[in-house]
Amino acid sequence: MSASMLLGLVIAVVVVALIFDFINGFHDTANAIATVVSTGVLPLRTAIYLAAILNFVGALTGTAVASTIGKGIITANTITLVVVFAALIGAIFWNLFTWYYGIPSSSSHAMVGGLIGAGLAHSGAASIQGPGLTKIVLSLVMSPLLGMVVAFTVMILLYWVFRRAAPVGVAPLFRRLQMLSAGFMALSHGSNDAQKTMGVITMSLVAAGYMAMPETGKLSVPTWVVLASATAMAFGTAAGGVRIIKTLGTKIIDLRPVHGFAAETAAASVIFAASHYGLPVSTTHCISGSILGVGASQSVSAVRWGITTRILWAWVLTIPISALSAFLVYWPTSWLTGAP
């Protein structure tokens, strides 16, 4: 492949990666602000701009997750520009599909599924790194469960602490606290989700020979990649995914400020802990699980299980459908570019 064609392919991959990041932003706007909007604490547009700013700041807090995404799913010799491009297209397809139908789904799962499908198309099952993939999938599966347990516990503690207080008396307090918890959630979202795009772009630069893999095996993310990914996510968040905001904020349970505070605090705590340890988790699943935990603390009947079942099906299908989409995209892309 000529140098000019290689450069063109690298630019195409970077652009598609940033498009994925933008879509991730507006797809996942609901994660940070659905509860604060549905409870009436902040107007929609104010909440969206707040989330966009804090997503940008959160994306600058580290690169541990980027390193995991860049080297933990498929083997180094499988990572080519076409593989990365196909993985991104597969993930984008699923994100747009679920956004259109207002279904909260995981951009993280979609990215993992895309890399698996493209890796399988390139070199078969040998391309998959079993231990790394197991670690990632476990973190993706456990995060919503942890969010549910933590949110349930926080709500029980709040009920006990304020058991003698009149609801009218504590409502103003939780309206103020929810503004803080929504900001915490937006910050944590940026700290985890934007790094996935950083990892994908960095692995593309390594595959193209523009960067060398350090001897430590830990990807070093260039500053421009960090800033570009943070900016793309922030602009995507500012675009606002209203369809999914309605699903998370009004269709699972009837939320009040105290519920929003508990759900956001629980989900953000789980996400920040995962980011610290370099674990890519689904922020969508974390906040969804936390909202379910808050609902379950009231009663099982408080949760609308019909919409919840629909969300669970999206969770189950995300990785296989994203993988299949990337698998199918790989072949025509490889043929058109003449690259492996």
Protein backbone atom coordinates (compact mmCIF):
# COMPACT_ATOMS: atom_id res chain seq x y z
CA MET A 1 0.00 0.00 0.00
CA SER A 2 1.34 3.44 -0.94
CA ALA A 3 2.08 6.00 1.75
CA SER A 4 -0.68 8.31 0.50
CA MET A 5 -3.27 5.54 0.52
CA LEU A 6 -2.18 4.48 4.01
CA LEU A 7 -2.54 8.05 5.24
CA GLY A 8 -5.98 8.32 3.63
CA LEU A 9 -7.11 5.12 5.35
CA VAL A 10 -5.78 6.34 8.70
CA ILE A 11 -7.65 9.63 8.31
CA ALA A 12 -10.84 7.74 7.39
CA VAL A 13 -10.55 5.55 10.49
CA VAL A 14 -9.91 8.54 12.77
CA VAL A 15 -12.89 10.42 11.31
CA VAL A 16 -15.20 7.40 11.72
CA ALA A 17 -13.91 6.91 15.28
CA LEU A 18 -14.77 10.50 16.14
CA ILE A 19 -18.20 10.07 14.51
CA PHE A 20 -18.70 7.04 16.75
CA ASP A 21 -17.64 9.18 19.72
CA PHE A 22 -20.11 11.92 18.72
CA ILE A 23 -22.93 9.37 18.37
CA ASN A 24 -21.91 7.84 21.68
CA GLY A 25 -22.29 11.31 23.21
CA PHE A 26 -25.82 12.02 21.99
CA HIS A 27 -26.87 8.38 22.45
CA ASP A 28 -25.70 8.47 26.08
CA THR A 29 -26.72 12.01 27.04
CA ALA A 30 -29.58 10.36 28.89
CA ASN A 31 -27.18 8.52 31.17
CA ALA A 32 -26.14 11.74 32.85
CA ILE A 33 -29.28 13.84 32.80
CA ALA A 34 -32.40 11.69 32.33
CA THR A 35 -33.22 11.69 36.03
CA VAL A 36 -32.45 15.37 36.67
CA VAL A 37 -34.66 16.38 33.71
CA SER A 38 -37.54 14.01 34.51
CA THR A 39 -37.69 15.22 38.12
CA GLY A 40 -37.82 18.84 36.95
CA VAL A 41 -34.66 19.87 38.80
CA LEU A 42 -33.06 21.28 35.63
CA PRO A 43 -34.56 22.24 32.26
CA LEU A 44 -33.55 19.97 29.40
CA ARG A 45 -31.23 22.35 27.52
CA THR A 46 -29.42 23.49 30.68
CA ALA A 47 -28.88 19.89 31.75
CA ILE A 48 -27.55 18.94 28.31
CA TYR A 49 -25.00 21.75 28.25
CA LEU A 50 -23.90 20.93 31.80
CA ALA A 51 -23.42 17.29 30.80
CA ALA A 52 -21.45 18.27 27.68
CA ILE A 53 -18.99 20.41 29.66
CA LEU A 54 -18.48 17.79 32.37
CA ASN A 55 -18.17 14.99 29.81
CA PHE A 56 -15.27 16.92 28.27
CA VAL A 57 -13.61 17.41 31.66
CA GLY A 58 -14.16 13.77 32.60
CA ALA A 59 -12.51 12.59 29.40
CA LEU A 60 -9.29 14.30 30.47
CA THR A 61 -9.01 12.43 33.78
CA GLY A 62 -7.06 9.38 32.56
CA THR A 63 -6.35 6.83 29.83
CA ALA A 64 -6.42 3.47 31.65
CA VAL A 65 -9.61 2.37 29.86
CA ALA A 66 -8.16 3.40 26.49
CA SER A 67 -5.22 1.07 27.08
CA THR A 68 -7.55 -1.84 27.89
CA ILE A 69 -9.68 -1.33 24.77
CA GLY A 70 -6.58 -0.91 22.61
CA LYS A 71 -4.93 -4.18 23.53
CA GLY A 72 -7.29 -6.42 25.50
CA ILE A 73 -9.86 -7.73 23.02
CA ILE A 74 -8.12 -8.96 19.87
CA THR A 75 -4.49 -9.92 19.31
CA ALA A 76 -1.98 -7.31 18.16
CA ASN A 77 -1.38 -8.97 14.78
CA THR A 78 -5.14 -8.89 14.08
CA ILE A 79 -5.40 -5.13 14.50
CA THR A 80 -5.41 -3.55 11.06
CA LEU A 81 -7.00 -0.36 9.82
CA VAL A 82 -9.74 -2.31 8.02
CA VAL A 83 -10.49 -4.31 11.18
CA VAL A 84 -10.84 -1.11 13.21
CA PHE A 85 -12.94 0.58 10.51
CA ALA A 86 -15.33 -2.40 10.29
CA ALA A 87 -15.60 -2.56 14.09
CA LEU A 88 -16.55 1.11 14.25
CA ILE A 89 -19.20 0.80 11.51
CA GLY A 90 -20.74 -2.21 13.28
CA ALA A 91 -20.90 -0.28 16.57
CA ILE A 92 -22.31 2.85 14.90
CA PHE A 93 -25.05 0.82 13.21
CA TRP A 94 -26.29 -0.61 16.51
CA ASN A 95 -26.07 2.74 18.32
CA LEU A 96 -28.18 4.48 15.67
CA PHE A 97 -30.69 1.62 15.58
CA THR A 98 -31.26 1.65 19.34
CA TRP A 99 -31.29 5.45 19.47
CA TYR A 100 -34.00 5.60 16.81
CA TYR A 101 -36.23 3.31 18.87
CA GLY A 102 -35.37 5.05 22.16
CA ILE A 103 -33.76 1.93 23.66
CA PRO A 104 -30.92 2.46 26.15
CA SER A 105 -28.08 0.24 24.95
CA SER A 106 -24.37 0.09 25.54
CA SER A 107 -21.90 1.83 23.24
CA SER A 108 -19.22 -0.13 25.10
CA HIS A 109 -20.85 -3.45 24.28
CA ALA A 110 -21.26 -2.29 20.69
CA MET A 111 -17.56 -1.45 20.41
CA VAL A 112 -16.51 -4.76 21.95
CA GLY A 113 -18.87 -6.64 19.63
CA GLY A 114 -17.57 -4.74 16.61
CA LEU A 115 -13.95 -5.60 17.42
CA ILE A 116 -14.86 -9.26 17.93
CA GLY A 117 -16.74 -9.49 14.62
CA ALA A 118 -14.06 -7.71 12.61
CA GLY A 119 -11.33 -9.77 14.28
CA LEU A 120 -13.14 -13.01 13.44
CA ALA A 121 -13.54 -11.92 9.82
CA HIS A 122 -9.84 -11.10 9.60
CA SER A 123 -8.26 -14.19 11.14
CA GLY A 124 -10.84 -16.38 12.84
CA ALA A 125 -11.21 -17.39 16.48
CA ALA A 126 -7.46 -17.21 17.08
CA SER A 127 -7.73 -13.44 16.95
CA ILE A 128 -9.72 -13.23 20.20
CA GLN A 129 -7.80 -12.74 23.45
CA GLY A 130 -9.66 -14.95 25.89
CA PRO A 131 -8.39 -13.58 29.24
CA GLY A 132 -8.70 -9.93 28.19
CA LEU A 133 -12.15 -10.43 26.71
CA THR A 134 -13.33 -12.29 29.82
CA LYS A 135 -12.17 -9.40 32.00
CA ILE A 136 -13.96 -6.87 29.83
CA VAL A 137 -17.21 -8.83 29.52
CA LEU A 138 -17.30 -9.47 33.27
CA SER A 139 -16.89 -5.77 33.96
CA LEU A 140 -19.65 -4.96 31.47
CA VAL A 141 -22.00 -7.53 33.02
CA MET A 142 -21.21 -6.80 36.67
CA SER A 143 -21.44 -2.99 36.44
CA PRO A 144 -25.27 -2.78 36.14
CA LEU A 145 -25.66 -5.33 38.93
CA LEU A 146 -23.35 -3.31 41.16
CA GLY A 147 -25.22 -0.15 40.22
CA MET A 148 -28.49 -1.82 41.19
CA VAL A 149 -27.15 -3.05 44.55
CA VAL A 150 -25.49 0.28 45.44
CA ALA A 151 -28.58 2.30 44.45
CA PHE A 152 -30.85 -0.02 46.43
CA THR A 153 -28.56 0.35 49.48
CA VAL A 154 -28.35 4.14 49.15
CA MET A 155 -32.14 4.41 48.97
CA ILE A 156 -32.63 2.23 52.04
CA LEU A 157 -30.11 4.37 53.95
CA LEU A 158 -31.85 7.57 52.84
CA TYR A 159 -35.24 6.19 53.89
CA TRP A 160 -33.80 5.37 57.32
CA VAL A 161 -31.96 8.70 57.81
CA PHE A 162 -34.99 10.78 56.81
CA ARG A 163 -37.65 8.43 58.17
CA ARG A 164 -39.06 11.11 60.50
CA ALA A 165 -38.87 13.96 57.98
CA ALA A 166 -41.85 15.12 55.99
CA PRO A 167 -41.42 14.59 52.20
CA VAL A 168 -42.25 18.25 51.58
CA GLY A 169 -39.47 19.31 53.96
CA VAL A 170 -36.67 17.27 52.36
CA ALA A 171 -37.66 17.77 48.70
CA PRO A 172 -35.74 21.09 48.32
CA LEU A 173 -32.60 19.47 49.79
CA PHE A 174 -32.65 16.63 47.27
CA ARG A 175 -33.35 18.98 44.39
CA ARG A 176 -30.06 20.72 45.22
CA LEU A 177 -28.23 17.45 45.83
CA GLN A 178 -29.45 16.06 42.53
CA MET A 179 -27.73 18.84 40.63
CA LEU A 180 -24.46 17.67 42.20
CA SER A 181 -25.14 14.00 41.52
CA ALA A 182 -26.04 14.74 37.86
CA GLY A 183 -22.73 16.56 37.46
CA PHE A 184 -20.94 13.62 39.10
CA MET A 185 -22.64 11.25 36.65
CA ALA A 186 -21.69 13.37 33.61
CA LEU A 187 -18.09 13.56 34.79
CA SER A 188 -17.89 9.79 35.27
CA HIS A 189 -19.44 9.17 31.84
CA GLY A 190 -16.70 11.18 30.16
CA SER A 191 -14.03 9.43 32.24
CA ASN A 192 -15.01 6.03 30.84
CA ASP A 193 -16.77 6.31 27.49
CA ALA A 194 -14.55 8.85 25.73
CA GLN A 195 -11.54 6.67 26.47
CA LYS A 196 -12.91 3.88 24.30
CA THR A 197 -12.53 6.08 21.24
CA MET A 198 -9.05 7.10 22.40
CA GLY A 199 -8.08 3.43 22.54
CA VAL A 200 -9.46 2.69 19.08
CA ILE A 201 -7.68 5.64 17.45
CA THR A 202 -4.41 4.82 19.20
CA MET A 203 -4.53 1.17 18.12
CA SER A 204 -5.10 2.41 14.55
CA LEU A 205 -2.00 4.60 14.71
CA VAL A 206 0.01 1.61 15.98
CA ALA A 207 -1.39 -0.62 13.22
CA ALA A 208 -0.44 1.95 10.58
CA GLY A 209 3.11 2.21 11.92
CA TYR A 210 2.71 5.83 13.01
CA MET A 211 3.24 4.82 16.64
CA ALA A 212 5.27 2.07 18.26
CA MET A 213 3.82 -0.15 20.96
CA PRO A 214 5.80 0.52 24.17
CA GLU A 215 7.77 -2.37 25.63
CA THR A 216 5.49 -2.29 28.66
CA GLY A 217 2.57 -3.13 26.38
CA LYS A 218 0.62 -0.18 27.77
CA LEU A 219 -0.71 2.14 25.08
CA SER A 220 0.41 5.74 25.35
CA VAL A 221 -2.44 7.91 24.07
CA PRO A 222 -1.28 11.07 22.22
CA THR A 223 -2.55 14.36 23.62
CA TRP A 224 -4.30 15.30 20.37
CA VAL A 225 -6.25 12.00 20.49
CA VAL A 226 -7.37 12.74 24.06
CA LEU A 227 -8.52 16.26 23.15
CA ALA A 228 -10.21 15.20 19.90
CA SER A 229 -12.11 12.37 21.61
CA ALA A 230 -13.15 14.59 24.51
CA THR A 231 -14.37 17.29 22.12
CA ALA A 232 -16.32 14.88 19.89
CA MET A 233 -18.09 13.38 22.90
CA ALA A 234 -18.88 16.80 24.33
CA PHE A 235 -20.43 18.00 21.06
CA GLY A 236 -22.38 14.76 20.76
CA THR A 237 -23.70 15.18 24.28
CA ALA A 238 -24.70 18.76 23.48
CA ALA A 239 -26.77 17.40 20.56
CA GLY A 240 -28.88 15.54 23.13
CA GLY A 241 -30.57 12.15 22.73
CA VAL A 242 -34.09 13.08 23.84
CA ARG A 243 -35.64 9.73 22.86
CA ILE A 244 -33.55 7.80 25.38
CA ILE A 245 -33.89 10.53 28.02
CA LYS A 246 -37.64 9.85 28.01
CA THR A 247 -37.10 6.10 28.37
CA LEU A 248 -34.69 6.31 31.29
CA GLY A 249 -36.34 9.25 32.99
CA THR A 250 -40.02 8.35 32.84
CA LYS A 251 -40.69 4.84 31.57
CA ILE A 252 -38.86 2.58 34.08
CA ILE A 253 -40.13 4.10 37.34
CA ASP A 254 -41.72 7.36 38.51
CA LEU A 255 -38.73 9.37 39.68
CA ARG A 256 -38.52 12.06 42.35
CA PRO A 257 -35.37 14.05 43.24
CA VAL A 258 -34.39 11.65 46.03
CA HIS A 259 -34.54 8.73 43.56
CA GLY A 260 -32.52 10.63 40.97
CA PHE A 261 -29.88 11.51 43.55
CA ALA A 262 -29.54 7.89 44.70
CA ALA A 263 -29.42 6.46 41.16
CA GLU A 264 -26.90 8.98 39.83
CA THR A 265 -24.64 8.75 42.88
CA ALA A 266 -24.61 4.95 42.74
CA ALA A 267 -23.98 4.73 38.99
CA ALA A 268 -21.28 7.41 38.96
CA SER A 269 -19.44 5.74 41.86
CA VAL A 270 -19.34 2.41 40.01
CA ILE A 271 -18.19 4.07 36.77
CA PHE A 272 -15.40 6.09 38.41
CA ALA A 273 -14.11 2.99 40.20
CA ALA A 274 -14.07 1.09 36.89
CA SER A 275 -12.26 3.95 35.12
CA HIS A 276 -9.60 3.98 37.84
CA TYR A 277 -8.89 0.28 37.26
CA GLY A 278 -9.01 0.56 33.47
CA LEU A 279 -12.25 -1.40 33.10
CA PRO A 280 -14.55 -0.36 30.24
CA VAL A 281 -18.10 -0.48 31.58
CA SER A 282 -21.44 0.44 30.14
CA THR A 283 -22.53 3.76 31.56
CA THR A 284 -25.97 3.05 30.09
CA HIS A 285 -26.23 -0.22 31.96
CA CYS A 286 -24.93 1.34 35.18
CA ILE A 287 -27.55 4.08 35.30
CA SER A 288 -30.31 1.72 34.10
CA GLY A 289 -29.38 -0.80 36.80
CA SER A 290 -29.25 1.97 39.39
CA ILE A 291 -32.73 3.20 38.44
CA LEU A 292 -34.00 -0.39 38.77
CA GLY A 293 -32.35 -0.62 42.20
CA VAL A 294 -34.06 2.58 43.29
CA GLY A 295 -37.41 1.25 42.07
CA ALA A 296 -36.93 -2.10 43.76
CA SER A 297 -36.26 -0.34 47.08
CA GLN A 298 -39.87 0.87 46.99
CA SER A 299 -41.51 -2.31 45.74
CA VAL A 300 -41.23 -4.74 42.86
CA SER A 301 -44.43 -3.30 41.40
CA ALA A 302 -42.84 0.18 41.24
CA VAL A 303 -40.75 -0.98 38.26
CA ARG A 304 -42.39 -1.11 34.84
CA TRP A 305 -41.14 -4.53 33.83
CA GLY A 306 -42.44 -4.34 30.26
CA ILE A 307 -40.01 -1.58 29.21
CA THR A 308 -37.34 -3.16 31.43
CA THR A 309 -37.60 -6.44 29.51
CA ARG A 310 -37.19 -4.54 26.26
CA ILE A 311 -34.02 -2.91 27.61
CA LEU A 312 -32.66 -6.29 28.77
CA TRP A 313 -33.16 -7.74 25.30
CA ALA A 314 -31.15 -4.86 23.85
CA TRP A 315 -28.38 -5.64 26.35
CA VAL A 316 -28.32 -9.29 25.30
CA LEU A 317 -28.34 -8.57 21.55
CA THR A 318 -25.83 -5.69 21.44
CA ILE A 319 -22.58 -7.69 21.24
CA PRO A 320 -23.76 -10.36 18.75
CA ILE A 321 -25.48 -7.91 16.39
CA SER A 322 -22.58 -5.44 16.48
CA ALA A 323 -20.20 -8.35 15.86
CA LEU A 324 -22.27 -9.60 12.92
CA SER A 325 -22.48 -6.10 11.42
CA ALA A 326 -18.71 -5.61 11.69
CA PHE A 327 -18.09 -9.09 10.26
CA LEU A 328 -20.18 -8.24 7.19
CA VAL A 329 -18.63 -4.78 6.76
CA TYR A 330 -15.09 -6.18 6.87
CA TRP A 331 -15.20 -8.06 3.55
CA PRO A 332 -16.33 -5.27 1.17
CA THR A 333 -14.07 -2.78 2.96
CA SER A 334 -11.07 -5.10 2.58
CA TRP A 335 -11.88 -5.65 -1.09
CA LEU A 336 -12.37 -1.94 -1.85
CA THR A 337 -9.18 -0.80 -0.12
CA GLY A 338 -7.04 -3.78 -1.07
CA ALA A 339 -5.84 -3.79 2.55
CA PRO A 340 -6.12 -6.69 5.02
